[in-house]
């Protein structure tokens, strides 16, 4: 089984990019590899919308903190 352990959104010259790390876990629950890395350039509207939703959530948190 593969388990995503982190991801980040980057703005690059190629466009929006997602970079991620993951671990692989055996059927017995043993970690067989970790800190594996991958990434991709966002090319579809669904993923772009998800990014915009997360960024909007972050701005909402920042605005709420300013009000305190």
PDB file of N, CA and C in Angstrom:
ATOM      1  N   UNK A   1       0.853  -1.165   0.000  1.00  0.00           N
ATOM      2  CA  UNK A   1       0.000   0.000   0.000  1.00  0.00           C
ATOM      3  C   UNK A   1       0.900   1.229   0.000  1.00  0.00           C
ATOM      4  N   UNK A   2       0.471   2.259  -0.679  1.00  0.00           N
ATOM      5  CA  UNK A   2       1.190   3.527  -0.693  1.00  0.00           C
ATOM      6  C   UNK A   2       0.413   4.538   0.131  1.00  0.00           C
ATOM      7  N   UNK A   3       1.118   5.293   0.967  1.00  0.00           N
ATOM      8  CA  UNK A   3       0.489   6.293   1.837  1.00  0.00           C
ATOM      9  C   UNK A   3       1.157   7.634   1.583  1.00  0.00           C
ATOM     10  N   UNK A   4       0.382   8.616   1.147  1.00  0.00           N
ATOM     11  CA  UNK A   4       0.912   9.965   0.934  1.00  0.00           C
ATOM     12  C   UNK A   4       1.243  10.558   2.297  1.00  0.00           C
ATOM     13  N   UNK A   5       2.470  11.072   2.447  1.00  0.00           N
ATOM     14  CA  UNK A   5       2.910  11.625   3.723  1.00  0.00           C
ATOM     15  C   UNK A   5       2.989  13.143   3.705  1.00  0.00           C
ATOM     16  N   UNK A   6       3.079  13.753   2.527  1.00  0.00           N
ATOM     17  CA  UNK A   6       3.029  15.214   2.436  1.00  0.00           C
ATOM     18  C   UNK A   6       2.837  15.634   0.985  1.00  0.00           C
ATOM     19  N   UNK A   7       2.350  16.858   0.807  1.00  0.00           N
ATOM     20  CA  UNK A   7       2.302  17.438  -0.529  1.00  0.00           C
ATOM     21  C   UNK A   7       2.357  18.947  -0.408  1.00  0.00           C
ATOM     22  N   UNK A   8       2.768  19.601  -1.474  1.00  0.00           N
ATOM     23  CA  UNK A   8       2.827  21.053  -1.502  1.00  0.00           C
ATOM     24  C   UNK A   8       2.464  21.550  -2.889  1.00  0.00           C
ATOM     25  N   UNK A   9       1.974  22.779  -2.922  1.00  0.00           N
ATOM     26  CA  UNK A   9       1.626  23.431  -4.181  1.00  0.00           C
ATOM     27  C   UNK A   9       2.698  24.466  -4.483  1.00  0.00           C
ATOM     28  N   UNK A  10       3.192  24.456  -5.703  1.00  0.00           N
ATOM     29  CA  UNK A  10       4.217  25.410  -6.129  1.00  0.00           C
ATOM     30  C   UNK A  10       3.764  26.105  -7.397  1.00  0.00           C
ATOM     31  N   UNK A  11       4.144  27.367  -7.538  1.00  0.00           N
ATOM     32  CA  UNK A  11       3.945  28.079  -8.806  1.00  0.00           C
ATOM     33  C   UNK A  11       5.297  28.089  -9.499  1.00  0.00           C
ATOM     34  N   UNK A  12       5.370  27.488 -10.682  1.00  0.00           N
ATOM     35  CA  UNK A  12       6.628  27.400 -11.416  1.00  0.00           C
ATOM     36  C   UNK A  12       6.445  27.993 -12.811  1.00  0.00           C
ATOM     37  N   UNK A  13       7.525  28.058 -13.540  1.00  0.00           N
ATOM     38  CA  UNK A  13       7.455  28.549 -14.912  1.00  0.00           C
ATOM     39  C   UNK A  13       6.549  27.712 -15.790  1.00  0.00           C
ATOM     40  N   UNK A  14       6.399  26.445 -15.452  1.00  0.00           N
ATOM     41  CA  UNK A  14       5.530  25.550 -16.222  1.00  0.00           C
ATOM     42  C   UNK A  14       4.070  25.676 -15.825  1.00  0.00           C
ATOM     43  N   UNK A  15       3.797  26.315 -14.700  1.00  0.00           N
ATOM     44  CA  UNK A  15       2.433  26.443 -14.191  1.00  0.00           C
ATOM     45  C   UNK A  15       2.340  25.924 -12.773  1.00  0.00           C
ATOM     46  N   UNK A  16       1.126  25.714 -12.305  1.00  0.00           N
ATOM     47  CA  UNK A  16       0.923  25.165 -10.967  1.00  0.00           C
ATOM     48  C   UNK A  16       1.463  23.740 -10.924  1.00  0.00           C
ATOM     49  N   UNK A  17       2.145  23.427  -9.846  1.00  0.00           N
ATOM     50  CA  UNK A  17       2.757  22.112  -9.705  1.00  0.00           C
ATOM     51  C   UNK A  17       2.444  21.557  -8.323  1.00  0.00           C
ATOM     52  N   UNK A  18       2.225  20.259  -8.257  1.00  0.00           N
ATOM     53  CA  UNK A  18       2.058  19.547  -6.994  1.00  0.00           C
ATOM     54  C   UNK A  18       3.271  18.635  -6.826  1.00  0.00           C
ATOM     55  N   UNK A  19       3.947  18.760  -5.685  1.00  0.00           N
ATOM     56  CA  UNK A  19       5.032  17.850  -5.327  1.00  0.00           C
ATOM     57  C   UNK A  19       4.556  17.056  -4.117  1.00  0.00           C
ATOM     58  N   UNK A  20       4.927  15.785  -4.036  1.00  0.00           N
ATOM     59  CA  UNK A  20       4.454  14.948  -2.936  1.00  0.00           C
ATOM     60  C   UNK A  20       5.514  13.944  -2.517  1.00  0.00           C
ATOM     61  N   UNK A  21       5.348  13.448  -1.293  1.00  0.00           N
ATOM     62  CA  UNK A  21       6.153  12.335  -0.801  1.00  0.00           C
ATOM     63  C   UNK A  21       5.203  11.256  -0.313  1.00  0.00           C
ATOM     64  N   UNK A  22       5.701  10.016  -0.344  1.00  0.00           N
ATOM     65  CA  UNK A  22       4.875   8.908   0.128  1.00  0.00           C
ATOM     66  C   UNK A  22       5.744   7.781   0.670  1.00  0.00           C
ATOM     67  N   UNK A  23       5.117   6.939   1.484  1.00  0.00           N
ATOM     68  CA  UNK A  23       5.753   5.729   2.011  1.00  0.00           C
ATOM     69  C   UNK A  23       5.037   4.521   1.434  1.00  0.00           C
ATOM     70  N   UNK A  24       5.740   3.402   1.382  1.00  0.00           N
ATOM     71  CA  UNK A  24       5.127   2.141   0.988  1.00  0.00           C
ATOM     72  C   UNK A  24       5.100   1.228   2.204  1.00  0.00           C
ATOM     73  N   UNK A  25       3.936   0.600   2.426  1.00  0.00           N
ATOM     74  CA  UNK A  25       3.712  -0.226   3.609  1.00  0.00           C
ATOM     75  C   UNK A  25       3.265  -1.619   3.152  1.00  0.00           C
ATOM     76  N   UNK A  26       3.885  -2.654   3.728  1.00  0.00           N
ATOM     77  CA  UNK A  26       3.542  -4.032   3.354  1.00  0.00           C
ATOM     78  C   UNK A  26       2.197  -4.428   3.957  1.00  0.00           C
ATOM     79  N   UNK A  27       1.692  -5.587   3.542  1.00  0.00           N
ATOM     80  CA  UNK A  27       0.434  -6.106   4.083  1.00  0.00           C
ATOM     81  C   UNK A  27       0.544  -6.392   5.574  1.00  0.00           C
ATOM     82  N   UNK A  28       1.772  -6.558   6.079  1.00  0.00           N
ATOM     83  CA  UNK A  28       2.001  -6.798   7.510  1.00  0.00           C
ATOM     84  C   UNK A  28       2.147  -5.503   8.306  1.00  0.00           C
ATOM     85  N   UNK A  29       2.052  -4.376   7.621  1.00  0.00           N
ATOM     86  CA  UNK A  29       2.165  -3.092   8.296  1.00  0.00           C
ATOM     87  C   UNK A  29       3.587  -2.585   8.426  1.00  0.00           C
ATOM     88  N   UNK A  30       4.515  -3.242   7.761  1.00  0.00           N
ATOM     89  CA  UNK A  30       5.915  -2.814   7.817  1.00  0.00           C
ATOM     90  C   UNK A  30       6.178  -1.762   6.748  1.00  0.00           C
ATOM     91  N   UNK A  31       6.925  -0.724   7.107  1.00  0.00           N
ATOM     92  CA  UNK A  31       7.322   0.296   6.137  1.00  0.00           C
ATOM     93  C   UNK A  31       8.428  -0.300   5.275  1.00  0.00           C
ATOM     94  N   UNK A  32       8.160  -0.427   3.987  1.00  0.00           N
ATOM     95  CA  UNK A  32       9.147  -1.015   3.083  1.00  0.00           C
ATOM     96  C   UNK A  32       9.980   0.043   2.378  1.00  0.00           C
ATOM     97  N   UNK A  33       9.457   1.256   2.242  1.00  0.00           N
ATOM     98  CA  UNK A  33      10.230   2.393   1.736  1.00  0.00           C
ATOM     99  C   UNK A  33       9.528   3.666   2.170  1.00  0.00           C
ATOM    100  N   UNK A  34      10.321   4.704   2.335  1.00  0.00           N
ATOM    101  CA  UNK A  34       9.738   5.984   2.763  1.00  0.00           C
ATOM    102  C   UNK A  34      10.460   7.130   2.090  1.00  0.00           C
ATOM    103  N   UNK A  35       9.850   8.300   2.179  1.00  0.00           N
ATOM    104  CA  UNK A  35      10.385   9.521   1.587  1.00  0.00           C
ATOM    105  C   UNK A  35      10.545   9.402   0.073  1.00  0.00           C
ATOM    106  N   UNK A  36       9.657   8.609  -0.559  1.00  0.00           N
ATOM    107  CA  UNK A  36       9.622   8.540  -2.020  1.00  0.00           C
ATOM    108  C   UNK A  36       8.995   9.832  -2.523  1.00  0.00           C
ATOM    109  N   UNK A  37       9.468  10.345  -3.635  1.00  0.00           N
ATOM    110  CA  UNK A  37       9.011  11.646  -4.119  1.00  0.00           C
ATOM    111  C   UNK A  37       8.448  11.567  -5.524  1.00  0.00           C
ATOM    112  N   UNK A  38       7.535  12.478  -5.797  1.00  0.00           N
ATOM    113  CA  UNK A  38       6.956  12.596  -7.129  1.00  0.00           C
ATOM    114  C   UNK A  38       6.365  13.973  -7.298  1.00  0.00           C
ATOM    115  N   UNK A  39       5.866  14.253  -8.471  1.00  0.00           N
ATOM    116  CA  UNK A  39       5.240  15.537  -8.720  1.00  0.00           C
ATOM    117  C   UNK A  39       4.638  15.581 -10.110  1.00  0.00           C
ATOM    118  N   UNK A  40       3.803  16.589 -10.310  1.00  0.00           N
ATOM    119  CA  UNK A  40       3.180  16.769 -11.621  1.00  0.00           C
ATOM    120  C   UNK A  40       2.741  18.208 -11.790  1.00  0.00           C
ATOM    121  N   UNK A  41       2.624  18.620 -13.037  1.00  0.00           N
ATOM    122  CA  UNK A  41       2.095  19.937 -13.387  1.00  0.00           C
ATOM    123  C   UNK A  41       0.579  19.780 -13.521  1.00  0.00           C
ATOM    124  N   UNK A  42      -0.152  20.704 -12.930  1.00  0.00           N
ATOM    125  CA  UNK A  42      -1.620  20.652 -12.953  1.00  0.00           C
ATOM    126  C   UNK A  42      -2.110  21.009 -14.355  1.00  0.00           C
ATOM    127  N   UNK A  43      -2.896  20.117 -14.946  1.00  0.00           N
ATOM    128  CA  UNK A  43      -3.407  20.342 -16.300  1.00  0.00           C
ATOM    129  C   UNK A  43      -4.925  20.228 -16.396  1.00  0.00           C
ATOM    130  N   UNK A  44      -5.583  19.906 -15.270  1.00  0.00           N
ATOM    131  CA  UNK A  44      -7.042  19.724 -15.341  1.00  0.00           C
ATOM    132  C   UNK A  44      -7.759  20.697 -14.404  1.00  0.00           C
ATOM    133  N   UNK A  45      -8.985  21.025 -14.766  1.00  0.00           N
ATOM    134  CA  UNK A  45      -9.781  22.000 -14.027  1.00  0.00           C
ATOM    135  C   UNK A  45     -10.137  21.518 -12.623  1.00  0.00           C
ATOM    136  N   UNK A  46     -10.353  20.232 -12.445  1.00  0.00           N
ATOM    137  CA  UNK A  46     -10.739  19.707 -11.133  1.00  0.00           C
ATOM    138  C   UNK A  46      -9.623  19.918 -10.107  1.00  0.00           C
ATOM    139  N   UNK A  47      -8.391  19.626 -10.484  1.00  0.00           N
ATOM    140  CA  UNK A  47      -7.265  19.818  -9.566  1.00  0.00           C
ATOM    141  C   UNK A  47      -7.027  21.302  -9.330  1.00  0.00           C
ATOM    142  N   UNK A  48      -7.140  22.120 -10.369  1.00  0.00           N
ATOM    143  CA  UNK A  48      -6.973  23.566 -10.218  1.00  0.00           C
ATOM    144  C   UNK A  48      -8.019  24.118  -9.253  1.00  0.00           C
ATOM    145  N   UNK A  49      -9.237  23.636  -9.345  1.00  0.00           N
ATOM    146  CA  UNK A  49     -10.301  24.070  -8.443  1.00  0.00           C
ATOM    147  C   UNK A  49      -9.999  23.668  -7.004  1.00  0.00           C
ATOM    148  N   UNK A  50      -9.462  22.460  -6.814  1.00  0.00           N
ATOM    149  CA  UNK A  50      -9.099  22.010  -5.465  1.00  0.00           C
ATOM    150  C   UNK A  50      -8.022  22.914  -4.865  1.00  0.00           C
ATOM    151  N   UNK A  51      -7.043  23.292  -5.675  1.00  0.00           N
ATOM    152  CA  UNK A  51      -5.989  24.208  -5.211  1.00  0.00           C
ATOM    153  C   UNK A  51      -6.602  25.542  -4.792  1.00  0.00           C
ATOM    154  N   UNK A  52      -7.481  26.076  -5.610  1.00  0.00           N
ATOM    155  CA  UNK A  52      -8.125  27.353  -5.305  1.00  0.00           C
ATOM    156  C   UNK A  52      -8.961  27.266  -4.027  1.00  0.00           C
ATOM    157  N   UNK A  53      -9.614  26.131  -3.796  1.00  0.00           N
ATOM    158  CA  UNK A  53     -10.384  25.929  -2.564  1.00  0.00           C
ATOM    159  C   UNK A  53      -9.473  25.967  -1.343  1.00  0.00           C
ATOM    160  N   UNK A  54      -8.341  25.284  -1.411  1.00  0.00           N
ATOM    161  CA  UNK A  54      -7.397  25.271  -0.286  1.00  0.00           C
ATOM    162  C   UNK A  54      -6.826  26.665  -0.047  1.00  0.00           C
ATOM    163  N   UNK A  55      -6.449  27.361  -1.112  1.00  0.00           N
ATOM    164  CA  UNK A  55      -5.910  28.722  -0.957  1.00  0.00           C
ATOM    165  C   UNK A  55      -6.973  29.632  -0.351  1.00  0.00           C
ATOM    166  N   UNK A  56      -8.220  29.498  -0.781  1.00  0.00           N
ATOM    167  CA  UNK A  56      -9.307  30.288  -0.208  1.00  0.00           C
ATOM    168  C   UNK A  56      -9.479  30.014   1.278  1.00  0.00           C
ATOM    169  N   UNK A  57      -9.365  28.766   1.676  1.00  0.00           N
ATOM    170  CA  UNK A  57      -9.457  28.393   3.093  1.00  0.00           C
ATOM    171  C   UNK A  57      -8.341  29.056   3.891  1.00  0.00           C
ATOM    172  N   UNK A  58      -7.132  29.053   3.348  1.00  0.00           N
ATOM    173  CA  UNK A  58      -6.002  29.684   4.035  1.00  0.00           C
ATOM    174  C   UNK A  58      -6.253  31.176   4.209  1.00  0.00           C
ATOM    175  N   UNK A  59      -6.718  31.855   3.163  1.00  0.00           N
ATOM    176  CA  UNK A  59      -7.016  33.285   3.289  1.00  0.00           C
ATOM    177  C   UNK A  59      -8.119  33.540   4.317  1.00  0.00           C
ATOM    178  N   UNK A  60      -9.106  32.662   4.387  1.00  0.00           N
ATOM    179  CA  UNK A  60     -10.170  32.803   5.382  1.00  0.00           C
ATOM    180  C   UNK A  60      -9.610  32.712   6.799  1.00  0.00           C
ATOM    181  N   UNK A  61      -8.686  31.793   7.018  1.00  0.00           N
ATOM    182  CA  UNK A  61      -8.043  31.660   8.338  1.00  0.00           C
ATOM    183  C   UNK A  61      -7.238  32.919   8.656  1.00  0.00           C
ATOM    184  N   UNK A  62      -6.495  33.418   7.670  1.00  0.00           N
ATOM    185  CA  UNK A  62      -5.691  34.630   7.894  1.00  0.00           C
ATOM    186  C   UNK A  62      -6.577  35.834   8.234  1.00  0.00           C
ATOM    187  N   UNK A  63      -7.683  35.971   7.527  1.00  0.00           N
ATOM    188  CA  UNK A  63      -8.601  37.077   7.782  1.00  0.00           C
ATOM    189  C   UNK A  63      -9.220  36.951   9.171  1.00  0.00           C
ATOM    190  N   UNK A  64      -9.549  35.740   9.577  1.00  0.00           N
ATOM    191  CA  UNK A  64     -10.128  35.525  10.916  1.00  0.00           C
ATOM    192  C   UNK A  64      -9.122  35.887  11.992  1.00  0.00           C
ATOM    193  N   UNK A  65      -7.863  35.570  11.777  1.00  0.00           N
ATOM    194  CA  UNK A  65      -6.827  35.907  12.747  1.00  0.00           C
ATOM    195  C   UNK A  65      -6.633  37.408  12.865  1.00  0.00           C
ATOM    196  N   UNK A  66      -6.787  38.126  11.768  1.00  0.00           N
ATOM    197  CA  UNK A  66      -6.651  39.597  11.791  1.00  0.00           C
ATOM    198  C   UNK A  66      -7.758  40.235  12.614  1.00  0.00           C
ATOM    199  N   UNK A  67      -8.921  39.596  12.646  1.00  0.00           N
ATOM    200  CA  UNK A  67     -10.066  40.119  13.381  1.00  0.00           C
ATOM    201  C   UNK A  67      -9.958  39.947  14.893  1.00  0.00           C
ATOM    202  N   UNK A  68      -8.999  39.165  15.364  1.00  0.00           N
ATOM    203  CA  UNK A  68      -8.868  38.891  16.800  1.00  0.00           C
ATOM    204  C   UNK A  68      -8.148  39.992  17.508  1.00  0.00           C
TER     205      UNK A  68
END
